Amino acid sequence: MRNMLLVARREYLEQIRGRAFRISTLLVPLLFVFLLGVSAFTGRKMGSGKHIAVAADNAALAADIRATLLDDKQAHFTVDTVAPFTPQDRADLLSRLASKSIDGVLIVENSASGTPKVSYLSQSSGDLMETWRLDAAVNHGLLDLRLSQHGLTPQQVQTVVKTVTIDTLLVSGSGQTGKSQGMGPFYAAMLMTFLMTMPILLYGMDMARSVIEEKSSRIFEVMLAVARPEDLLAGKLLGVGAVGLTQIAIWIAAAALLSGSALLGPMLSGDIKIHFSILQAVLFPIYFILGFFLYSAFFSGLAATCETAQDLQMYITLAVIPTWTSFAILPFLLNNPNSPWVVAASIFPPTAPLVMVPRIGMMSVPYPWSQLAISLALMVLSIWVVIWFASRLYRVGILMYGKRATLPELLRWLRYS
């Protein structure tokens, strides 16, 4: 135990004092804030600020479409109308489009028929938000036109097409209702998955590279004179894991201090509110430690079989696949946290750290305590199995030099140890 703690202390201090720790601790939050700002900026600007000409064979329809587009305050459209338009008007509009005095031409023909022809001409492929806004405006205008053709007054038409907003409520097991947080849980899930994934993978691979470097420098031959291989592996796991927790604690503290500042306040203001429950706060470090031990022990055992860092690159895919799977599960998690795929991913040990904690945040009480217990039990069992195999590969592999280990040789190593 004493040697294990000494190795953990050495690994922790060496990592904390390193330049890579300081740079990553500073750059990762800055990169996250930059991406958040770019996403918010592009989201507001997407499909907005365009100068569009609406050409229709019905003046009332063109005016209705124009009014709907102008009512969208986030779009900031400039809209001209040409109605009813002639072939000469079409030629003039195409000429203006070619000279880039307008950004697009929306043409509505045969509006009185059951199947009107609608086309949008532009010099660039329209983005999704722009297409959605134009589609909504045209359909709204056609609906108004058809209702008015059936004898409804403009006031009656507005009453018929008036939309309502659905108030989404969450129902707990006791029957109490609470207001849904909208997209807030989804963004919280993305944030927690990001915070969980980056340190686990980065420090797990960093530990594997450290094993290769110490193996290449033969420093292990000195360390093995005073400590057992199992103590060395466990000490490295504890030390590097503590570094990851320290870095996450720094990020969380910095986010708490800056959340109300003038720097991030305007960026984070709006309808989206990210909230973390007490249970999530408790489970996050637990699953981080378990996930780190699982991945790091696995890669440390594999690293002991490699001669160079290039040999280790073959195993990166094994770490990326669970990560991709976890991010692919997030849309299913938002729609139904109790779907079979989500439940399976929250219990399966390689993906459980990245899915279970966000899943808890998207559910109302009572929580699936039995599934949570099974997930934790399988994580602990998997870590014990992986460390058992990794320590035996580690014990023999760190003293093996000269060639890459094959599968039959790895099986022999397990028998030797």
Protein backbone atom coordinates (compact mmCIF):
# COMPACT_ATOMS: atom_id res chain seq x y z
CA MET A 1 0.00 0.00 0.00
CA ARG A 2 2.80 2.42 0.87
CA ASN A 3 4.55 1.89 -2.47
CA MET A 4 1.26 2.28 -4.32
CA LEU A 5 0.58 5.62 -2.62
CA LEU A 6 4.13 6.79 -3.33
CA VAL A 7 3.68 5.99 -7.02
CA ALA A 8 0.29 7.75 -7.02
CA ARG A 9 1.82 10.83 -5.39
CA ARG A 10 4.67 10.88 -7.91
CA GLU A 11 2.30 10.58 -10.88
CA TYR A 12 -0.03 13.24 -9.50
CA LEU A 13 2.68 15.82 -8.82
CA GLU A 14 4.42 15.12 -12.11
CA GLN A 15 1.21 15.64 -14.08
CA ILE A 16 0.06 18.70 -12.13
CA ARG A 17 3.40 20.46 -12.53
CA GLY A 18 3.60 19.68 -16.23
CA ARG A 19 3.04 22.25 -18.94
CA ALA A 20 0.50 20.04 -20.69
CA PHE A 21 -1.79 20.14 -17.63
CA ARG A 22 -1.74 23.93 -17.45
CA ILE A 23 -2.28 24.36 -21.17
CA SER A 24 -5.15 21.85 -21.38
CA THR A 25 -6.80 23.24 -18.25
CA LEU A 26 -6.83 26.69 -19.83
CA LEU A 27 -7.44 25.87 -23.48
CA VAL A 28 -10.28 23.34 -23.14
CA PRO A 29 -12.66 25.81 -21.38
CA LEU A 30 -11.67 28.55 -23.82
CA LEU A 31 -12.35 26.23 -26.74
CA PHE A 32 -15.72 25.26 -25.25
CA VAL A 33 -16.70 28.92 -24.74
CA PHE A 34 -15.54 29.74 -28.27
CA LEU A 35 -17.60 26.91 -29.77
CA LEU A 36 -20.60 27.94 -27.66
CA GLY A 37 -20.30 31.52 -28.87
CA VAL A 38 -19.89 30.50 -32.52
CA SER A 39 -22.87 28.16 -32.24
CA ALA A 40 -25.04 30.89 -30.71
CA PHE A 41 -23.91 33.45 -33.30
CA THR A 42 -24.43 31.18 -36.31
CA GLY A 43 -27.74 29.98 -34.91
CA ARG A 44 -29.03 33.54 -34.78
CA LYS A 45 -27.62 34.49 -38.16
CA MET A 46 -28.58 31.28 -39.99
CA GLY A 47 -31.10 32.09 -42.69
CA SER A 48 -31.41 35.72 -41.55
CA GLY A 49 -30.73 39.09 -43.10
CA LYS A 50 -31.67 37.95 -46.60
CA HIS A 51 -33.22 40.17 -49.27
CA ILE A 52 -35.96 38.14 -50.94
CA ALA A 53 -38.44 38.90 -53.69
CA VAL A 54 -41.82 37.16 -53.54
CA ALA A 55 -43.47 36.74 -56.97
CA ALA A 56 -47.00 35.34 -56.92
CA ASP A 57 -50.00 35.26 -59.23
CA ASN A 58 -52.17 36.58 -56.37
CA ALA A 59 -51.45 39.94 -54.75
CA ALA A 60 -53.14 39.04 -51.45
CA LEU A 61 -51.10 35.84 -51.21
CA ALA A 62 -47.83 37.71 -51.88
CA ALA A 63 -48.70 40.29 -49.21
CA ASP A 64 -49.57 37.53 -46.71
CA ILE A 65 -46.27 35.74 -47.32
CA ARG A 66 -44.39 39.02 -46.97
CA ALA A 67 -46.13 39.83 -43.67
CA THR A 68 -45.35 36.37 -42.26
CA LEU A 69 -41.67 36.68 -43.17
CA LEU A 70 -41.42 40.17 -41.70
CA ASP A 71 -43.10 39.02 -38.47
CA ASP A 72 -40.15 36.71 -37.81
CA LYS A 73 -38.01 39.12 -35.79
CA GLN A 74 -35.00 36.77 -35.74
CA ALA A 75 -34.86 36.46 -39.53
CA HIS A 76 -34.48 40.18 -40.35
CA PHE A 77 -35.73 39.60 -43.89
CA THR A 78 -36.08 42.34 -46.48
CA VAL A 79 -39.00 41.31 -48.68
CA ASP A 80 -40.17 42.74 -52.01
CA THR A 81 -43.39 41.61 -53.68
CA VAL A 82 -44.24 41.34 -57.36
CA ALA A 83 -47.86 40.34 -57.93
CA PRO A 84 -49.32 39.40 -60.19
CA PHE A 85 -46.05 38.81 -62.02
CA THR A 86 -45.47 38.52 -65.75
CA PRO A 87 -42.77 36.79 -67.81
CA GLN A 88 -40.98 40.15 -67.98
CA ASP A 89 -41.10 40.39 -64.19
CA ARG A 90 -39.53 36.93 -63.97
CA ALA A 91 -36.72 38.01 -66.29
CA ASP A 92 -36.14 41.19 -64.28
CA LEU A 93 -36.01 39.23 -61.01
CA LEU A 94 -33.53 36.73 -62.44
CA SER A 95 -31.40 39.66 -63.63
CA ARG A 96 -31.44 41.17 -60.14
CA LEU A 97 -30.54 37.78 -58.71
CA ALA A 98 -27.61 37.44 -61.10
CA SER A 99 -26.36 40.90 -60.14
CA LYS A 100 -26.76 39.92 -56.43
CA SER A 101 -29.00 42.87 -55.66
CA ILE A 102 -31.34 40.29 -54.11
CA ASP A 103 -30.49 36.97 -52.45
CA GLY A 104 -33.42 34.89 -53.65
CA VAL A 105 -36.67 34.78 -55.57
CA LEU A 106 -39.71 32.92 -54.22
CA ILE A 107 -42.19 32.15 -57.00
CA VAL A 108 -45.74 30.90 -56.36
CA GLU A 109 -47.77 29.86 -59.40
CA ASN A 110 -51.24 28.30 -59.84
CA SER A 111 -52.20 29.35 -56.32
CA ALA A 112 -55.88 28.92 -57.06
CA SER A 113 -55.46 25.24 -57.92
CA GLY A 114 -55.20 22.38 -55.47
CA THR A 115 -51.53 21.86 -56.30
CA PRO A 116 -49.77 25.22 -56.57
CA LYS A 117 -46.24 25.28 -57.93
CA VAL A 118 -43.72 26.89 -55.57
CA SER A 119 -40.02 27.34 -56.33
CA TYR A 120 -37.18 29.25 -54.72
CA LEU A 121 -34.28 30.50 -56.83
CA SER A 122 -30.94 31.54 -55.35
CA GLN A 123 -27.25 31.41 -56.19
CA SER A 124 -26.43 29.33 -53.12
CA SER A 125 -28.03 26.28 -51.58
CA GLY A 126 -30.43 27.63 -48.97
CA ASP A 127 -29.70 26.70 -45.37
CA LEU A 128 -32.18 24.67 -43.35
CA MET A 129 -33.51 27.58 -41.31
CA GLU A 130 -34.12 29.71 -44.41
CA THR A 131 -35.93 26.86 -46.17
CA TRP A 132 -38.04 26.18 -43.08
CA ARG A 133 -39.05 29.84 -42.76
CA LEU A 134 -40.01 30.14 -46.43
CA ASP A 135 -41.94 26.88 -46.31
CA ALA A 136 -43.89 28.01 -43.24
CA ALA A 137 -44.67 31.41 -44.77
CA VAL A 138 -45.92 29.93 -48.06
CA ASN A 139 -48.13 27.35 -46.37
CA HIS A 140 -49.52 29.96 -44.01
CA GLY A 141 -50.35 32.23 -46.95
CA LEU A 142 -51.98 29.45 -48.95
CA LEU A 143 -54.10 28.44 -45.95
CA ASP A 144 -55.29 32.03 -45.49
CA LEU A 145 -56.07 32.27 -49.20
CA ARG A 146 -58.13 29.06 -49.26
CA LEU A 147 -60.07 30.00 -46.15
CA SER A 148 -60.89 33.44 -47.57
CA GLN A 149 -62.01 31.81 -50.83
CA HIS A 150 -64.57 29.86 -48.77
CA GLY A 151 -66.14 33.08 -47.52
CA LEU A 152 -64.32 33.69 -44.22
CA THR A 153 -63.49 37.26 -43.27
CA PRO A 154 -59.88 38.20 -42.48
CA GLN A 155 -60.73 38.27 -38.75
CA GLN A 156 -62.24 34.79 -38.94
CA VAL A 157 -59.23 33.53 -40.84
CA GLN A 158 -56.88 34.82 -38.13
CA THR A 159 -59.00 33.10 -35.48
CA VAL A 160 -58.89 29.78 -37.34
CA VAL A 161 -55.12 29.76 -38.02
CA LYS A 162 -54.11 31.09 -34.60
CA THR A 163 -51.51 28.76 -33.07
CA VAL A 164 -51.10 27.65 -29.46
CA THR A 165 -48.05 26.66 -27.43
CA ILE A 166 -47.93 23.28 -25.69
CA ASP A 167 -46.92 23.48 -22.05
CA THR A 168 -44.87 20.33 -21.39
CA LEU A 169 -45.08 18.96 -17.83
CA LEU A 170 -43.20 16.17 -16.10
CA VAL A 171 -45.18 13.80 -13.89
CA SER A 172 -43.39 12.19 -10.92
CA GLY A 173 -44.16 8.82 -9.41
CA SER A 174 -46.26 10.45 -6.71
CA GLY A 175 -48.43 12.16 -9.34
CA GLN A 176 -46.98 15.65 -8.88
CA THR A 177 -46.35 17.69 -11.98
CA GLY A 178 -43.52 20.05 -12.73
CA LYS A 179 -42.66 22.19 -15.72
CA SER A 180 -40.35 20.64 -18.27
CA GLN A 181 -36.99 22.28 -18.85
CA GLY A 182 -37.28 22.00 -22.63
CA MET A 183 -33.90 21.57 -24.31
CA GLY A 184 -32.04 22.34 -21.08
CA PRO A 185 -31.57 18.67 -20.10
CA PHE A 186 -30.25 17.87 -23.58
CA TYR A 187 -27.59 20.59 -23.39
CA ALA A 188 -26.77 19.48 -19.84
CA ALA A 189 -26.36 15.92 -21.14
CA MET A 190 -24.05 17.12 -23.91
CA LEU A 191 -21.99 19.11 -21.40
CA MET A 192 -21.69 16.23 -18.92
CA THR A 193 -20.81 13.76 -21.69
CA PHE A 194 -18.14 16.16 -22.93
CA LEU A 195 -16.71 16.66 -19.42
CA MET A 196 -16.73 12.91 -18.84
CA THR A 197 -15.31 11.88 -22.21
CA MET A 198 -12.41 14.27 -22.66
CA PRO A 199 -10.51 13.60 -19.39
CA ILE A 200 -11.18 9.84 -19.45
CA LEU A 201 -9.86 9.40 -22.98
CA LEU A 202 -7.07 11.98 -22.78
CA TYR A 203 -5.69 10.82 -19.44
CA GLY A 204 -6.28 7.17 -20.26
CA MET A 205 -4.22 7.46 -23.44
CA ASP A 206 -1.71 9.67 -21.65
CA MET A 207 -1.21 6.97 -19.04
CA ALA A 208 -0.73 4.39 -21.77
CA ARG A 209 1.90 6.58 -23.43
CA SER A 210 3.57 7.04 -20.05
CA VAL A 211 3.86 3.26 -19.69
CA ILE A 212 5.53 3.03 -23.11
CA GLU A 213 7.95 5.88 -22.32
CA GLU A 214 8.97 4.39 -18.98
CA LYS A 215 9.30 0.99 -20.61
CA SER A 216 11.53 2.43 -23.35
CA SER A 217 13.71 4.31 -20.86
CA ARG A 218 14.10 1.15 -18.72
CA ILE A 219 13.09 3.10 -15.62
CA PHE A 220 10.81 0.21 -14.72
CA GLU A 221 13.81 -2.00 -14.08
CA VAL A 222 14.77 0.35 -11.24
CA MET A 223 11.23 0.79 -9.92
CA LEU A 224 10.61 -2.96 -9.83
CA ALA A 225 13.44 -3.32 -7.35
CA VAL A 226 11.34 -1.61 -4.66
CA ALA A 227 7.70 -2.16 -5.76
CA ARG A 228 5.56 -4.90 -7.24
CA PRO A 229 4.12 -4.46 -10.75
CA GLU A 230 0.59 -4.44 -9.30
CA ASP A 231 1.50 -1.56 -6.99
CA LEU A 232 3.01 0.38 -9.90
CA LEU A 233 -0.10 -0.05 -12.04
CA ALA A 234 -2.53 0.77 -9.21
CA GLY A 235 -0.46 3.78 -8.16
CA LYS A 236 -0.41 5.17 -11.69
CA LEU A 237 -4.18 4.70 -11.94
CA LEU A 238 -4.80 6.54 -8.66
CA GLY A 239 -2.40 9.37 -9.43
CA VAL A 240 -3.56 10.08 -12.97
CA GLY A 241 -7.22 9.69 -11.95
CA ALA A 242 -6.72 12.30 -9.23
CA VAL A 243 -5.26 14.63 -11.87
CA GLY A 244 -8.40 14.24 -13.99
CA LEU A 245 -10.66 15.00 -11.02
CA THR A 246 -8.55 18.03 -10.19
CA GLN A 247 -8.87 19.38 -13.71
CA ILE A 248 -12.64 18.88 -13.78
CA ALA A 249 -12.94 20.58 -10.37
CA ILE A 250 -11.03 23.58 -11.75
CA TRP A 251 -13.33 23.75 -14.79
CA ILE A 252 -16.47 23.54 -12.64
CA ALA A 253 -15.20 26.21 -10.24
CA ALA A 254 -14.26 28.51 -13.12
CA ALA A 255 -17.67 27.98 -14.75
CA ALA A 256 -19.42 28.79 -11.46
CA LEU A 257 -17.42 32.00 -11.06
CA LEU A 258 -17.89 33.13 -14.67
CA SER A 259 -21.53 32.11 -15.14
CA GLY A 260 -22.81 35.40 -13.76
CA SER A 261 -20.02 37.57 -15.10
CA ALA A 262 -20.24 40.11 -17.89
CA LEU A 263 -18.20 37.75 -20.07
CA LEU A 264 -20.54 34.75 -20.12
CA GLY A 265 -23.77 36.30 -18.85
CA PRO A 266 -25.03 37.62 -22.20
CA MET A 267 -23.88 34.48 -23.99
CA LEU A 268 -25.72 32.16 -21.62
CA SER A 269 -28.83 34.30 -21.25
CA GLY A 270 -32.01 33.17 -22.94
CA ASP A 271 -34.61 30.47 -22.67
CA ILE A 272 -32.13 27.62 -22.17
CA LYS A 273 -31.32 26.93 -18.52
CA ILE A 274 -28.89 24.17 -17.64
CA HIS A 275 -29.61 22.52 -14.31
CA PHE A 276 -27.84 19.65 -12.54
CA SER A 277 -29.54 17.65 -9.81
CA ILE A 278 -27.91 16.62 -6.54
CA LEU A 279 -27.93 12.99 -7.65
CA GLN A 280 -26.06 13.94 -10.84
CA ALA A 281 -23.50 15.84 -8.77
CA VAL A 282 -22.95 12.72 -6.65
CA LEU A 283 -22.86 10.25 -9.54
CA PHE A 284 -20.61 12.31 -11.80
CA PRO A 285 -17.33 11.81 -9.84
CA ILE A 286 -18.25 8.18 -9.12
CA TYR A 287 -18.76 7.32 -12.76
CA PHE A 288 -15.75 9.39 -13.76
CA ILE A 289 -13.49 7.39 -11.44
CA LEU A 290 -15.00 4.08 -12.55
CA GLY A 291 -14.78 4.99 -16.24
CA PHE A 292 -11.23 6.22 -15.88
CA PHE A 293 -10.14 3.04 -14.09
CA LEU A 294 -11.82 0.88 -16.72
CA TYR A 295 -10.30 2.61 -19.75
CA SER A 296 -6.92 3.34 -18.19
CA ALA A 297 -6.39 -0.18 -16.88
CA PHE A 298 -7.33 -1.57 -20.28
CA PHE A 299 -4.95 0.70 -22.19
CA SER A 300 -2.16 0.35 -19.65
CA GLY A 301 -2.21 -3.41 -20.09
CA LEU A 302 -2.16 -3.00 -23.86
CA ALA A 303 0.58 -0.36 -23.66
CA ALA A 304 2.81 -2.83 -21.82
CA THR A 305 2.66 -5.02 -24.93
CA CYS A 306 3.70 -2.19 -27.29
CA GLU A 307 7.17 -1.05 -28.13
CA THR A 308 6.41 2.46 -29.43
CA ALA A 309 3.64 5.04 -29.30
CA GLN A 310 2.90 4.23 -32.95
CA ASP A 311 2.00 0.68 -31.95
CA LEU A 312 -0.49 2.12 -29.47
CA GLN A 313 -2.34 3.99 -32.22
CA MET A 314 -3.90 0.71 -33.33
CA TYR A 315 -5.94 0.60 -30.14
CA ILE A 316 -7.35 4.15 -30.27
CA THR A 317 -10.38 2.92 -32.20
CA LEU A 318 -11.29 0.72 -29.24
CA ALA A 319 -11.70 3.88 -27.16
CA VAL A 320 -13.43 5.93 -29.84
CA ILE A 321 -16.21 3.40 -30.58
CA PRO A 322 -17.84 3.63 -27.09
CA THR A 323 -17.57 7.43 -27.28
CA TRP A 324 -19.29 7.62 -30.65
CA THR A 325 -21.93 5.22 -29.40
CA SER A 326 -22.59 7.38 -26.34
CA PHE A 327 -23.04 10.55 -28.39
CA ALA A 328 -25.27 8.67 -30.87
CA ILE A 329 -27.49 7.61 -27.96
CA LEU A 330 -28.13 11.22 -26.86
CA PRO A 331 -31.05 11.87 -29.30
CA PHE A 332 -32.74 8.67 -28.11
CA LEU A 333 -32.03 9.78 -24.56
CA LEU A 334 -33.83 13.07 -25.16
CA ASN A 335 -36.89 11.40 -26.68
CA ASN A 336 -37.23 8.50 -24.24
CA PRO A 337 -34.78 7.95 -21.35
CA ASN A 338 -36.35 4.53 -20.72
CA SER A 339 -36.02 3.14 -24.25
CA PRO A 340 -34.30 -0.27 -24.49
CA TRP A 341 -31.27 1.16 -26.30
CA VAL A 342 -30.74 3.84 -23.67
CA VAL A 343 -31.18 1.38 -20.80
CA ALA A 344 -28.72 -1.03 -22.39
CA ALA A 345 -26.15 1.75 -22.97
CA SER A 346 -26.51 2.99 -19.38
CA ILE A 347 -25.79 -0.52 -18.05
CA PHE A 348 -23.11 -1.67 -20.52
CA PRO A 349 -19.78 -0.84 -18.74
CA PRO A 350 -17.90 0.86 -21.65
CA THR A 351 -20.77 3.31 -22.29
CA ALA A 352 -22.35 3.49 -18.81
CA PRO A 353 -20.17 6.41 -17.54
CA LEU A 354 -21.14 8.52 -20.55
CA VAL A 355 -24.88 7.71 -20.59
CA MET A 356 -26.14 6.98 -17.06
CA VAL A 357 -25.44 10.39 -15.50
CA PRO A 358 -27.08 12.42 -18.33
CA ARG A 359 -29.96 9.93 -18.33
CA ILE A 360 -30.62 10.57 -14.63
CA GLY A 361 -30.87 14.29 -15.39
CA MET A 362 -33.62 13.71 -17.97
CA MET A 363 -35.84 11.62 -15.71
CA SER A 364 -38.30 12.52 -12.99
CA VAL A 365 -38.45 10.65 -9.71
CA PRO A 366 -38.58 7.81 -8.92
CA TYR A 367 -35.21 7.08 -10.44
CA PRO A 368 -34.37 3.58 -11.77
CA TRP A 369 -32.45 2.60 -8.65
CA SER A 370 -32.25 -1.08 -9.64
CA GLN A 371 -30.73 -0.21 -13.02
CA LEU A 372 -28.35 2.20 -11.34
CA ALA A 373 -27.24 -0.51 -8.90
CA ILE A 374 -26.76 -3.03 -11.74
CA SER A 375 -24.77 -0.45 -13.73
CA LEU A 376 -22.43 0.30 -10.81
CA ALA A 377 -22.03 -3.39 -9.96
CA LEU A 378 -21.15 -4.27 -13.55
CA MET A 379 -18.71 -1.35 -13.69
CA VAL A 380 -16.91 -2.55 -10.54
CA LEU A 381 -16.87 -6.15 -11.77
CA SER A 382 -15.56 -5.09 -15.19
CA ILE A 383 -12.83 -2.98 -13.61
CA TRP A 384 -11.76 -5.92 -11.42
CA VAL A 385 -11.60 -8.23 -14.45
CA VAL A 386 -9.76 -5.68 -16.61
CA ILE A 387 -7.24 -4.86 -13.87
CA TRP A 388 -6.70 -8.60 -13.27
CA PHE A 389 -5.80 -9.12 -16.93
CA ALA A 390 -3.96 -5.79 -17.27
CA SER A 391 -1.77 -6.42 -14.22
CA ARG A 392 -0.67 -9.77 -15.63
CA LEU A 393 0.09 -8.32 -19.04
CA TYR A 394 1.78 -5.41 -17.31
CA ARG A 395 3.89 -7.68 -15.09
CA VAL A 396 5.44 -9.50 -18.04
CA GLY A 397 5.11 -6.92 -20.82
CA ILE A 398 7.09 -4.12 -19.18
CA LEU A 399 10.21 -6.29 -19.25
CA MET A 400 9.70 -7.57 -22.79
CA TYR A 401 11.62 -5.77 -25.55
CA GLY A 402 12.31 -6.27 -29.21
CA LYS A 403 9.02 -7.10 -30.93
CA ARG A 404 5.28 -6.53 -30.81
CA ALA A 405 3.40 -9.15 -28.82
CA THR A 406 1.06 -11.47 -30.72
CA LEU A 407 -2.12 -13.03 -29.36
CA PRO A 408 -0.50 -16.44 -28.60
CA GLU A 409 2.30 -14.65 -26.74
CA LEU A 410 -0.23 -12.65 -24.70
CA LEU A 411 -1.92 -15.89 -23.66
CA ARG A 412 1.48 -17.26 -22.61
CA TRP A 413 2.10 -14.09 -20.57
CA LEU A 414 -1.14 -14.68 -18.69
CA ARG A 415 0.01 -18.22 -17.86
CA TYR A 416 3.48 -17.04 -16.81
CA SER A 417 2.04 -14.57 -14.31
